[in-house]
């Protein structure tokens, strides 16, 4: 009797493993990847992902006048089959101006829709979509119905880095 139970248990494990293997093979065959120097697209049965790099990203955020682009801006588009796509766009800039000057300029430019957290407000470091924000950095954050926008100002050596982030249903909202 014990051998029958062990045999059934072993057969169940083998069938479960085979089922997982077959489902995995089916999913792998359904995924299509296309790429170019500035774009990668992944098509799957559960939705599509498109990653692009742009020289001029659509962020709906002002760029500090004395800032220069550091990393190529990137947009990730997530497109579920039965919903509107969501766009995540980021860009990083650098300036030789001090963080206080950049902070003052953004306070003037962004308006009341943005909450500001900074050295005198933020107690613990946090992370906003991959950007680690230390307690001595400045974060401007606007959460709206269809989008979220953020500006992060950080001291990096002798320079100031500015990370811009836009998440929303459309990059042009």
N, C-alpha and C. Protein backbone atom coordinates (compact mmCIF):
# COMPACT_ATOMS: atom_id res chain seq x y z
N UNK A 1 0.82 -1.19 0.00
CA UNK A 1 0.00 0.00 0.00
C UNK A 1 0.87 1.26 0.00
N UNK A 2 1.92 1.28 0.82
CA UNK A 2 2.82 2.43 0.88
C UNK A 2 3.47 2.68 -0.47
N UNK A 3 3.83 1.61 -1.20
CA UNK A 3 4.45 1.77 -2.50
C UNK A 3 3.48 2.38 -3.51
N UNK A 4 2.21 2.05 -3.41
CA UNK A 4 1.21 2.65 -4.29
C UNK A 4 1.11 4.15 -4.05
N UNK A 5 1.09 4.55 -2.79
CA UNK A 5 0.99 5.98 -2.45
C UNK A 5 2.23 6.72 -2.92
N UNK A 6 3.42 6.16 -2.68
CA UNK A 6 4.65 6.80 -3.14
C UNK A 6 4.69 6.88 -4.67
N UNK A 7 4.23 5.82 -5.34
CA UNK A 7 4.19 5.83 -6.81
C UNK A 7 3.24 6.89 -7.34
N UNK A 8 2.08 7.04 -6.74
CA UNK A 8 1.13 8.08 -7.16
C UNK A 8 1.68 9.47 -6.89
N UNK A 9 2.33 9.62 -5.75
CA UNK A 9 2.93 10.92 -5.42
C UNK A 9 4.02 11.27 -6.42
N UNK A 10 4.88 10.33 -6.75
CA UNK A 10 5.95 10.56 -7.73
C UNK A 10 5.36 10.87 -9.11
N UNK A 11 4.32 10.14 -9.52
CA UNK A 11 3.68 10.40 -10.81
C UNK A 11 3.07 11.79 -10.84
N UNK A 12 2.47 12.23 -9.73
CA UNK A 12 1.89 13.57 -9.65
C UNK A 12 2.95 14.64 -9.80
N UNK A 13 4.09 14.45 -9.13
CA UNK A 13 5.19 15.43 -9.23
C UNK A 13 5.71 15.48 -10.66
N UNK A 14 5.87 14.34 -11.30
CA UNK A 14 6.36 14.31 -12.69
C UNK A 14 5.37 15.00 -13.62
N UNK A 15 4.07 14.74 -13.47
CA UNK A 15 3.06 15.38 -14.31
C UNK A 15 3.01 16.89 -14.08
N UNK A 16 3.13 17.32 -12.83
CA UNK A 16 3.14 18.75 -12.53
C UNK A 16 4.36 19.42 -13.17
N UNK A 17 5.52 18.81 -13.06
CA UNK A 17 6.74 19.34 -13.68
C UNK A 17 6.61 19.42 -15.19
N UNK A 18 6.05 18.38 -15.79
CA UNK A 18 5.85 18.37 -17.24
C UNK A 18 4.87 19.47 -17.66
N UNK A 19 3.81 19.67 -16.88
CA UNK A 19 2.84 20.73 -17.19
C UNK A 19 3.48 22.11 -17.12
N UNK A 20 4.27 22.35 -16.09
CA UNK A 20 4.96 23.65 -15.97
C UNK A 20 5.92 23.84 -17.13
N UNK A 21 6.64 22.79 -17.51
CA UNK A 21 7.57 22.87 -18.64
C UNK A 21 6.83 23.21 -19.94
N UNK A 22 5.71 22.55 -20.20
CA UNK A 22 4.96 22.79 -21.43
C UNK A 22 4.36 24.20 -21.47
N UNK A 23 3.83 24.67 -20.35
CA UNK A 23 3.29 26.03 -20.29
C UNK A 23 4.42 27.04 -20.53
N UNK A 24 5.58 26.81 -19.93
CA UNK A 24 6.73 27.70 -20.13
C UNK A 24 7.15 27.74 -21.59
N UNK A 25 7.21 26.59 -22.24
CA UNK A 25 7.57 26.54 -23.65
C UNK A 25 6.56 27.28 -24.51
N UNK A 26 5.26 27.15 -24.19
CA UNK A 26 4.22 27.85 -24.93
C UNK A 26 4.41 29.37 -24.79
N UNK A 27 4.65 29.83 -23.54
CA UNK A 27 4.82 31.27 -23.31
C UNK A 27 6.05 31.80 -24.04
N UNK A 28 7.14 31.06 -24.01
CA UNK A 28 8.37 31.50 -24.69
C UNK A 28 8.14 31.64 -26.18
N UNK A 29 7.38 30.73 -26.76
CA UNK A 29 7.10 30.81 -28.21
C UNK A 29 6.20 31.98 -28.56
N UNK A 30 5.39 32.45 -27.60
CA UNK A 30 4.46 33.54 -27.84
C UNK A 30 5.11 34.91 -27.69
N UNK A 31 6.27 35.00 -27.09
CA UNK A 31 6.94 36.28 -26.87
C UNK A 31 7.73 36.66 -28.11
N UNK A 32 7.53 37.90 -28.57
CA UNK A 32 8.26 38.42 -29.72
C UNK A 32 9.04 39.65 -29.28
N UNK A 33 10.30 39.70 -29.63
CA UNK A 33 11.15 40.84 -29.27
C UNK A 33 11.72 41.44 -30.54
N UNK A 34 11.53 42.76 -30.69
CA UNK A 34 12.14 43.48 -31.80
C UNK A 34 12.93 44.64 -31.22
N UNK A 35 14.04 44.96 -31.87
CA UNK A 35 14.84 46.07 -31.34
C UNK A 35 15.54 46.83 -32.45
N UNK A 36 15.81 48.09 -32.13
CA UNK A 36 16.58 48.97 -32.98
C UNK A 36 17.55 49.69 -32.05
N UNK A 37 18.41 50.55 -32.55
CA UNK A 37 19.36 51.23 -31.65
C UNK A 37 18.70 52.07 -30.56
N UNK A 38 17.48 52.57 -30.79
CA UNK A 38 16.84 53.43 -29.78
C UNK A 38 15.54 52.87 -29.24
N UNK A 39 15.19 51.62 -29.60
CA UNK A 39 13.90 51.09 -29.17
C UNK A 39 13.94 49.57 -29.03
N UNK A 40 13.24 49.07 -28.02
CA UNK A 40 13.05 47.64 -27.83
C UNK A 40 11.56 47.42 -27.58
N UNK A 41 10.96 46.46 -28.30
CA UNK A 41 9.56 46.12 -28.09
C UNK A 41 9.45 44.64 -27.73
N UNK A 42 8.64 44.37 -26.71
CA UNK A 42 8.38 42.99 -26.29
C UNK A 42 6.87 42.78 -26.36
N UNK A 43 6.46 41.84 -27.19
CA UNK A 43 5.03 41.52 -27.34
C UNK A 43 4.79 40.17 -26.66
N UNK A 44 3.83 40.14 -25.73
CA UNK A 44 3.50 38.92 -25.01
C UNK A 44 1.98 38.72 -25.04
N UNK A 45 1.50 37.54 -24.70
CA UNK A 45 0.05 37.33 -24.65
C UNK A 45 -0.64 38.17 -23.57
N UNK A 46 0.10 38.63 -22.58
CA UNK A 46 -0.51 39.39 -21.48
C UNK A 46 -0.25 40.89 -21.59
N UNK A 47 0.29 41.35 -22.71
CA UNK A 47 0.53 42.78 -22.90
C UNK A 47 1.86 43.04 -23.58
N UNK A 48 2.08 44.30 -23.90
CA UNK A 48 3.29 44.70 -24.60
C UNK A 48 4.09 45.69 -23.76
N UNK A 49 5.39 45.69 -23.98
CA UNK A 49 6.30 46.64 -23.34
C UNK A 49 7.16 47.24 -24.44
N UNK A 50 7.26 48.57 -24.43
CA UNK A 50 8.11 49.25 -25.41
C UNK A 50 9.01 50.22 -24.66
N UNK A 51 10.31 50.13 -24.89
CA UNK A 51 11.28 51.02 -24.27
C UNK A 51 11.97 51.83 -25.37
N UNK A 52 11.96 53.16 -25.22
CA UNK A 52 12.57 54.02 -26.22
C UNK A 52 13.47 55.04 -25.56
N UNK A 53 14.45 55.51 -26.32
CA UNK A 53 15.30 56.60 -25.87
C UNK A 53 15.07 57.78 -26.79
N UNK A 54 14.89 58.96 -26.19
CA UNK A 54 14.60 60.18 -26.93
C UNK A 54 15.57 61.27 -26.54
N UNK A 55 15.97 62.08 -27.49
CA UNK A 55 16.80 63.24 -27.16
C UNK A 55 15.97 64.30 -26.43
N UNK A 56 14.69 64.42 -26.81
CA UNK A 56 13.79 65.37 -26.17
C UNK A 56 12.56 64.63 -25.65
N UNK A 57 12.64 64.14 -24.42
CA UNK A 57 11.49 63.39 -23.89
C UNK A 57 10.32 64.30 -23.56
N UNK A 58 9.13 63.75 -23.60
CA UNK A 58 7.92 64.48 -23.22
C UNK A 58 7.68 64.22 -21.74
N UNK A 59 8.02 65.17 -20.89
CA UNK A 59 7.90 65.01 -19.45
C UNK A 59 6.89 65.97 -18.85
N UNK A 60 6.52 67.00 -19.55
CA UNK A 60 5.65 68.04 -19.02
C UNK A 60 6.23 68.61 -17.72
N UNK A 61 7.54 68.76 -17.69
CA UNK A 61 8.26 69.36 -16.56
C UNK A 61 9.31 70.32 -17.12
N UNK A 62 9.52 71.44 -16.46
CA UNK A 62 10.55 72.36 -16.95
C UNK A 62 11.95 71.81 -16.70
N UNK A 63 12.87 72.14 -17.60
CA UNK A 63 14.27 71.75 -17.45
C UNK A 63 15.05 72.98 -17.01
N UNK A 64 15.83 72.82 -15.95
CA UNK A 64 16.62 73.92 -15.42
C UNK A 64 17.48 74.50 -16.55
N UNK A 65 17.48 75.84 -16.73
CA UNK A 65 18.12 76.46 -17.90
C UNK A 65 19.61 76.15 -18.07
N UNK A 66 20.34 76.02 -16.98
CA UNK A 66 21.79 75.79 -17.08
C UNK A 66 22.14 74.31 -16.99
N UNK A 67 21.15 73.44 -17.12
CA UNK A 67 21.39 72.00 -17.01
C UNK A 67 21.71 71.38 -18.36
N UNK A 68 22.56 70.38 -18.32
CA UNK A 68 22.89 69.61 -19.53
C UNK A 68 22.48 68.15 -19.30
N UNK A 69 22.07 67.53 -20.37
CA UNK A 69 21.60 66.15 -20.31
C UNK A 69 22.75 65.22 -19.94
N UNK A 70 22.52 64.32 -18.97
CA UNK A 70 23.56 63.39 -18.52
C UNK A 70 23.34 62.01 -19.14
N UNK A 71 22.17 61.43 -18.93
CA UNK A 71 21.83 60.11 -19.48
C UNK A 71 20.77 60.29 -20.54
N UNK A 72 20.81 59.41 -21.53
CA UNK A 72 19.78 59.48 -22.55
C UNK A 72 18.41 59.26 -21.91
N UNK A 73 17.48 60.17 -22.12
CA UNK A 73 16.14 60.00 -21.55
C UNK A 73 15.49 58.73 -22.09
N UNK A 74 14.69 58.10 -21.25
CA UNK A 74 14.06 56.84 -21.64
C UNK A 74 12.57 56.86 -21.30
N UNK A 75 11.79 56.20 -22.14
CA UNK A 75 10.36 56.02 -21.90
C UNK A 75 10.04 54.54 -21.97
N UNK A 76 9.31 54.06 -20.98
CA UNK A 76 8.81 52.69 -20.99
C UNK A 76 7.29 52.79 -21.12
N UNK A 77 6.75 52.11 -22.12
CA UNK A 77 5.31 52.07 -22.34
C UNK A 77 4.81 50.67 -22.01
N UNK A 78 3.91 50.59 -21.04
CA UNK A 78 3.30 49.32 -20.64
C UNK A 78 1.89 49.28 -21.20
N UNK A 79 1.61 48.30 -22.04
CA UNK A 79 0.30 48.24 -22.71
C UNK A 79 -0.39 46.92 -22.40
N UNK A 80 -1.23 46.88 -21.36
CA UNK A 80 -2.02 45.68 -21.11
C UNK A 80 -3.05 45.51 -22.22
N UNK A 81 -3.52 44.28 -22.48
CA UNK A 81 -4.44 44.07 -23.60
C UNK A 81 -5.76 44.80 -23.49
N UNK A 82 -6.31 44.99 -22.30
CA UNK A 82 -7.64 45.57 -22.16
C UNK A 82 -7.65 46.90 -21.41
N UNK A 83 -6.55 47.65 -21.49
CA UNK A 83 -6.46 48.92 -20.77
C UNK A 83 -5.60 49.90 -21.57
N UNK A 84 -5.72 51.16 -21.19
CA UNK A 84 -4.89 52.19 -21.82
C UNK A 84 -3.44 51.99 -21.42
N UNK A 85 -2.50 52.33 -22.31
CA UNK A 85 -1.09 52.19 -21.94
C UNK A 85 -0.69 53.19 -20.85
N UNK A 86 0.33 52.82 -20.10
CA UNK A 86 0.93 53.69 -19.08
C UNK A 86 2.35 53.98 -19.53
N UNK A 87 2.74 55.25 -19.46
CA UNK A 87 4.07 55.68 -19.88
C UNK A 87 4.87 56.10 -18.66
N UNK A 88 6.11 55.65 -18.60
CA UNK A 88 7.05 56.05 -17.55
C UNK A 88 8.25 56.66 -18.26
N UNK A 89 8.46 57.96 -18.07
CA UNK A 89 9.54 58.67 -18.75
C UNK A 89 10.46 59.30 -17.72
N UNK A 90 11.77 59.12 -17.93
CA UNK A 90 12.76 59.70 -17.02
C UNK A 90 13.86 60.38 -17.82
N UNK A 91 14.47 61.38 -17.19
CA UNK A 91 15.62 62.07 -17.77
C UNK A 91 16.48 62.59 -16.62
N UNK A 92 17.79 62.61 -16.82
CA UNK A 92 18.70 63.09 -15.79
C UNK A 92 19.58 64.19 -16.37
N UNK A 93 19.66 65.31 -15.64
CA UNK A 93 20.44 66.46 -16.05
C UNK A 93 21.45 66.80 -14.96
N UNK A 94 22.45 67.61 -15.33
CA UNK A 94 23.47 68.04 -14.38
C UNK A 94 23.79 69.51 -14.63
N UNK A 95 24.07 70.23 -13.54
CA UNK A 95 24.47 71.63 -13.62
C UNK A 95 25.56 71.89 -12.59
N UNK A 96 26.34 72.93 -12.83
CA UNK A 96 27.37 73.32 -11.87
C UNK A 96 26.81 74.26 -10.80
N UNK A 97 25.56 74.69 -10.95
CA UNK A 97 24.93 75.56 -9.96
C UNK A 97 24.68 74.78 -8.67
N UNK A 98 24.67 75.45 -7.53
CA UNK A 98 24.42 74.76 -6.26
C UNK A 98 22.96 74.29 -6.16
N UNK A 99 22.71 73.24 -5.35
CA UNK A 99 21.35 72.73 -5.19
C UNK A 99 20.36 73.80 -4.73
N UNK A 100 20.81 74.74 -3.91
CA UNK A 100 19.90 75.79 -3.43
C UNK A 100 19.37 76.65 -4.57
N UNK A 101 20.21 76.95 -5.57
CA UNK A 101 19.76 77.75 -6.72
C UNK A 101 18.76 76.95 -7.57
N UNK A 102 19.04 75.67 -7.77
CA UNK A 102 18.15 74.80 -8.56
C UNK A 102 16.82 74.65 -7.82
N UNK A 103 16.88 74.44 -6.51
CA UNK A 103 15.70 74.30 -5.67
C UNK A 103 14.83 75.56 -5.77
N UNK A 104 15.44 76.72 -5.64
CA UNK A 104 14.69 77.99 -5.71
C UNK A 104 14.03 78.15 -7.08
N UNK A 105 14.74 77.79 -8.16
CA UNK A 105 14.19 77.93 -9.50
C UNK A 105 12.97 77.01 -9.67
N UNK A 106 13.08 75.75 -9.21
CA UNK A 106 11.95 74.83 -9.34
C UNK A 106 10.78 75.24 -8.45
N UNK A 107 11.04 75.80 -7.27
CA UNK A 107 9.94 76.28 -6.42
C UNK A 107 9.15 77.36 -7.16
N UNK A 108 9.85 78.19 -7.89
CA UNK A 108 9.21 79.26 -8.66
C UNK A 108 8.46 78.72 -9.88
N UNK A 109 9.03 77.71 -10.54
CA UNK A 109 8.48 77.20 -11.80
C UNK A 109 7.31 76.23 -11.63
N UNK A 110 7.35 75.40 -10.59
CA UNK A 110 6.39 74.29 -10.50
C UNK A 110 5.02 74.67 -9.98
N UNK A 111 4.93 75.61 -9.11
CA UNK A 111 3.62 76.03 -8.62
C UNK A 111 3.07 75.18 -7.50
N UNK A 112 1.78 75.39 -7.20
CA UNK A 112 1.14 74.79 -6.04
C UNK A 112 0.80 73.31 -6.20
N UNK A 113 0.81 72.77 -7.39
CA UNK A 113 0.46 71.37 -7.59
C UNK A 113 1.51 70.40 -7.08
N UNK A 114 2.67 70.90 -6.75
CA UNK A 114 3.78 70.05 -6.31
C UNK A 114 4.01 70.20 -4.81
N UNK A 115 4.20 69.07 -4.14
CA UNK A 115 4.61 69.07 -2.74
C UNK A 115 6.13 69.00 -2.72
N UNK A 116 6.73 69.78 -1.84
CA UNK A 116 8.19 69.81 -1.73
C UNK A 116 8.62 69.13 -0.43
N UNK A 117 9.57 68.22 -0.55
CA UNK A 117 10.21 67.63 0.61
C UNK A 117 11.70 67.90 0.47
N UNK A 118 12.32 68.30 1.54
CA UNK A 118 13.74 68.61 1.46
C UNK A 118 14.44 68.40 2.78
N UNK A 119 15.64 68.94 2.90
CA UNK A 119 16.46 68.71 4.09
C UNK A 119 15.74 69.07 5.40
N UNK A 120 14.91 70.07 5.39
CA UNK A 120 14.24 70.46 6.64
C UNK A 120 12.92 69.71 6.84
N UNK A 121 12.48 68.92 5.87
CA UNK A 121 11.19 68.24 5.95
C UNK A 121 11.34 66.72 5.95
N UNK A 122 12.13 66.19 5.03
CA UNK A 122 12.27 64.75 4.86
C UNK A 122 13.15 64.18 5.98
N UNK A 123 12.66 63.19 6.69
CA UNK A 123 13.40 62.63 7.81
C UNK A 123 14.22 61.41 7.39
N UNK A 124 13.64 60.52 6.59
CA UNK A 124 14.31 59.30 6.17
C UNK A 124 14.47 59.29 4.67
N UNK A 125 15.50 58.56 4.20
CA UNK A 125 15.63 58.45 2.76
C UNK A 125 14.53 57.57 2.22
N UNK A 126 14.23 57.74 0.94
CA UNK A 126 13.19 56.94 0.28
C UNK A 126 13.59 56.71 -1.15
N UNK A 127 12.82 55.93 -1.85
CA UNK A 127 13.07 55.67 -3.25
C UNK A 127 11.81 55.96 -4.04
N UNK A 128 11.95 56.73 -5.11
CA UNK A 128 10.84 57.04 -5.99
C UNK A 128 11.20 56.51 -7.37
N UNK A 129 10.62 55.37 -7.73
CA UNK A 129 10.82 54.72 -9.02
C UNK A 129 12.29 54.62 -9.40
N UNK A 130 13.07 54.04 -8.54
CA UNK A 130 14.46 53.76 -8.85
C UNK A 130 15.44 54.87 -8.51
N UNK A 131 14.95 56.04 -8.12
CA UNK A 131 15.84 57.13 -7.73
C UNK A 131 15.86 57.18 -6.21
N UNK A 132 17.04 56.91 -5.63
CA UNK A 132 17.16 56.96 -4.18
C UNK A 132 17.25 58.41 -3.73
N UNK A 133 16.38 58.78 -2.82
CA UNK A 133 16.33 60.16 -2.34
C UNK A 133 16.80 60.15 -0.89
N UNK A 134 17.91 60.83 -0.65
CA UNK A 134 18.47 60.92 0.70
C UNK A 134 17.79 62.06 1.44
N UNK A 135 17.98 62.08 2.75
CA UNK A 135 17.32 63.10 3.57
C UNK A 135 17.83 64.51 3.29
N UNK A 136 19.00 64.65 2.65
CA UNK A 136 19.49 66.00 2.32
C UNK A 136 19.20 66.39 0.87
N UNK A 137 18.44 65.57 0.13
CA UNK A 137 18.03 65.89 -1.24
C UNK A 137 16.71 66.65 -1.21
N UNK A 138 16.30 67.13 -2.38
CA UNK A 138 15.03 67.83 -2.52
C UNK A 138 14.16 67.04 -3.49
N UNK A 139 12.89 66.85 -3.12
CA UNK A 139 11.92 66.15 -3.95
C UNK A 139 10.70 67.04 -4.14
N UNK A 140 10.31 67.25 -5.40
CA UNK A 140 9.04 67.89 -5.74
C UNK A 140 8.18 66.79 -6.33
N UNK A 141 6.97 66.61 -5.80
CA UNK A 141 6.12 65.52 -6.24
C UNK A 141 4.69 66.01 -6.45
N UNK A 142 4.13 65.67 -7.62
CA UNK A 142 2.74 66.00 -7.93
C UNK A 142 2.02 64.72 -8.30
N UNK A 143 0.99 64.37 -7.53
CA UNK A 143 0.16 63.20 -7.82
C UNK A 143 -1.19 63.71 -8.28
N UNK A 144 -1.51 63.39 -9.53
CA UNK A 144 -2.77 63.83 -10.12
C UNK A 144 -3.56 62.61 -10.55
N UNK A 145 -4.76 62.80 -11.03
CA UNK A 145 -5.65 61.68 -11.36
C UNK A 145 -5.03 60.75 -12.41
N UNK A 146 -4.48 61.29 -13.46
CA UNK A 146 -3.99 60.47 -14.57
C UNK A 146 -2.47 60.43 -14.69
N UNK A 147 -1.76 61.08 -13.75
CA UNK A 147 -0.30 61.09 -13.86
C UNK A 147 0.35 61.44 -12.53
N UNK A 148 1.64 61.13 -12.48
CA UNK A 148 2.47 61.54 -11.36
C UNK A 148 3.75 62.12 -11.95
N UNK A 149 4.18 63.26 -11.41
CA UNK A 149 5.41 63.89 -11.88
C UNK A 149 6.32 64.16 -10.69
N UNK A 150 7.63 64.05 -10.90
CA UNK A 150 8.58 64.28 -9.81
C UNK A 150 9.83 64.94 -10.34
N UNK A 151 10.43 65.77 -9.48
CA UNK A 151 11.74 66.38 -9.72
C UNK A 151 12.56 66.08 -8.48
N UNK A 152 13.75 65.49 -8.69
CA UNK A 152 14.65 65.18 -7.59
C UNK A 152 15.95 65.95 -7.81
N UNK A 153 16.36 66.70 -6.80
CA UNK A 153 17.58 67.51 -6.87
C UNK A 153 18.57 66.93 -5.87
N UNK A 154 19.77 66.54 -6.37
CA UNK A 154 20.78 65.91 -5.53
C UNK A 154 22.14 66.53 -5.76
N UNK A 155 22.89 66.68 -4.70
CA UNK A 155 24.28 67.13 -4.78
C UNK A 155 25.13 65.92 -5.14
N UNK A 156 25.91 66.01 -6.22
CA UNK A 156 26.80 64.94 -6.67
C UNK A 156 28.18 65.52 -6.88
N UNK A 157 29.05 65.37 -5.89
CA UNK A 157 30.39 65.95 -5.99
C UNK A 157 30.28 67.46 -6.02
N UNK A 158 30.86 68.08 -7.04
CA UNK A 158 30.79 69.54 -7.18
C UNK A 158 29.59 69.98 -8.02
N UNK A 159 28.85 69.02 -8.55
CA UNK A 159 27.72 69.33 -9.42
C UNK A 159 26.40 69.03 -8.72
N UNK A 160 25.32 69.44 -9.37
CA UNK A 160 23.96 69.15 -8.91
C UNK A 160 23.27 68.34 -10.00
N UNK A 161 22.68 67.20 -9.62
CA UNK A 161 21.94 66.38 -10.57
C UNK A 161 20.45 66.60 -10.38
N UNK A 162 19.74 66.62 -11.50
CA UNK A 162 18.29 66.82 -11.51
C UNK A 162 17.68 65.64 -12.25
N UNK A 163 16.87 64.86 -11.55
CA UNK A 163 16.16 63.74 -12.18
C UNK A 163 14.70 64.15 -12.37
N UNK A 164 14.21 63.99 -13.58
CA UNK A 164 12.81 64.32 -13.91
C UNK A 164 12.09 63.01 -14.22
N UNK A 165 10.85 62.89 -13.72
CA UNK A 165 10.08 61.67 -13.88
C UNK A 165 8.63 62.00 -14.19
N UNK A 166 8.06 61.31 -15.15
CA UNK A 166 6.66 61.48 -15.52
C UNK A 166 6.05 60.09 -15.68
N UNK A 167 4.96 59.81 -14.98
CA UNK A 167 4.24 58.55 -15.10
C UNK A 167 2.79 58.87 -15.37
N UNK A 168 2.23 58.32 -16.43
CA UNK A 168 0.85 58.62 -16.71
C UNK A 168 0.30 57.87 -17.90
N UNK A 169 -0.98 58.08 -18.13
CA UNK A 169 -1.68 57.43 -19.23
C UNK A 169 -1.18 57.93 -20.57
N UNK A 170 -0.74 59.15 -20.62
CA UNK A 170 -0.20 59.71 -21.85
C UNK A 170 0.92 60.66 -21.49
N UNK A 171 2.03 60.62 -22.21
CA UNK A 171 3.12 61.52 -21.87
C UNK A 171 2.84 62.98 -22.17
N UNK A 172 1.73 63.26 -22.85
CA UNK A 172 1.43 64.64 -23.22
C UNK A 172 0.24 65.20 -22.45
N UNK A 173 -0.14 64.59 -21.33
CA UNK A 173 -1.29 65.10 -20.57
C UNK A 173 -1.04 66.50 -20.07
